[in-house]
Amino acid sequence: MVNNQFGVSIQTIRSDVASEFTNGPFKECFAEKGIIHETSYADTLEQNGRAECKNRPILNVARALRF
């Protein structure tokens, strides 16, 4: 889809260290297509960017309500 819409191919994908990305079909697909798969470290704001920043306050409120 990326290639069809933008005329470029995916060279690198960055994800968390979830097993669905590091094992099985995804790993085989990345190797087959020549895509470099990079994983980020947990709780590293510099790598996880906006999603981590926005999720932290929501998780803090959820933990507080649970207690």
Protein backbone atom coordinates (compact mmCIF):
# COMPACT_ATOMS: atom_id res chain seq x y z
CA MET A 1 0.00 0.00 0.00
CA VAL A 2 2.82 2.41 0.85
CA ASN A 3 4.56 1.58 -2.41
CA ASN A 4 1.37 2.04 -4.45
CA GLN A 5 0.35 5.32 -2.82
CA PHE A 6 3.70 7.03 -2.37
CA GLY A 7 6.05 5.23 -4.74
CA VAL A 8 8.52 4.29 -2.01
CA SER A 9 9.31 1.04 -0.23
CA ILE A 10 9.54 0.54 3.51
CA GLN A 11 13.14 0.22 4.64
CA THR A 12 12.85 0.20 8.44
CA ILE A 13 10.08 -0.52 10.94
CA ARG A 14 10.33 0.35 14.63
CA SER A 15 8.09 -1.34 17.18
CA ASP A 16 8.06 -2.37 20.80
CA VAL A 17 9.48 -5.72 21.85
CA ALA A 18 6.14 -7.52 21.68
CA SER A 19 6.47 -11.16 20.66
CA GLU A 20 4.09 -10.79 17.70
CA PHE A 21 6.68 -8.54 16.01
CA THR A 22 9.85 -10.35 17.03
CA ASN A 23 8.75 -13.93 16.29
CA GLY A 24 6.79 -15.78 13.65
CA PRO A 25 5.17 -14.38 10.50
CA PHE A 26 6.19 -10.75 10.94
CA LYS A 27 9.85 -11.65 11.39
CA GLU A 28 9.75 -13.85 8.29
CA CYS A 29 7.98 -11.16 6.26
CA PHE A 30 10.51 -8.50 7.27
CA ALA A 31 13.41 -10.77 6.28
CA GLU A 32 11.74 -11.72 3.00
CA LYS A 33 11.12 -8.08 2.02
CA GLY A 34 14.53 -6.85 3.24
CA ILE A 35 12.98 -4.64 5.92
CA ILE A 36 15.11 -3.76 8.95
CA HIS A 37 13.18 -4.26 12.19
CA GLU A 38 14.25 -2.08 15.11
CA THR A 39 12.83 -2.47 18.59
CA SER A 40 12.54 0.28 21.18
CA TYR A 41 13.24 0.02 24.87
CA ALA A 42 10.31 0.06 27.30
CA ASP A 43 9.62 3.34 29.13
CA THR A 44 12.05 5.34 26.99
CA LEU A 45 10.35 8.60 26.09
CA GLU A 46 13.02 9.50 23.57
CA GLN A 47 12.22 6.41 21.52
CA ASN A 48 8.51 5.94 22.13
CA GLY A 49 7.66 9.58 21.51
CA ARG A 50 4.20 11.06 21.70
CA ALA A 51 2.30 7.85 22.35
CA GLU A 52 4.25 7.20 25.54
CA CYS A 53 3.83 10.81 26.68
CA LYS A 54 0.07 10.74 26.13
CA ASN A 55 -0.47 7.31 27.67
CA ARG A 56 1.41 7.99 30.91
CA PRO A 57 -1.13 10.44 32.46
CA ILE A 58 -4.03 8.19 31.42
CA LEU A 59 -2.37 5.18 33.04
CA ASN A 60 -1.60 7.18 36.20
CA VAL A 61 -5.27 8.18 36.55
CA ALA A 62 -6.41 4.61 35.91
CA ARG A 63 -4.04 3.28 38.59
CA ALA A 64 -5.22 5.92 41.07
CA LEU A 65 -8.88 5.07 40.44
CA ARG A 66 -8.16 1.38 40.83
CA PHE A 67 -6.65 1.91 44.28
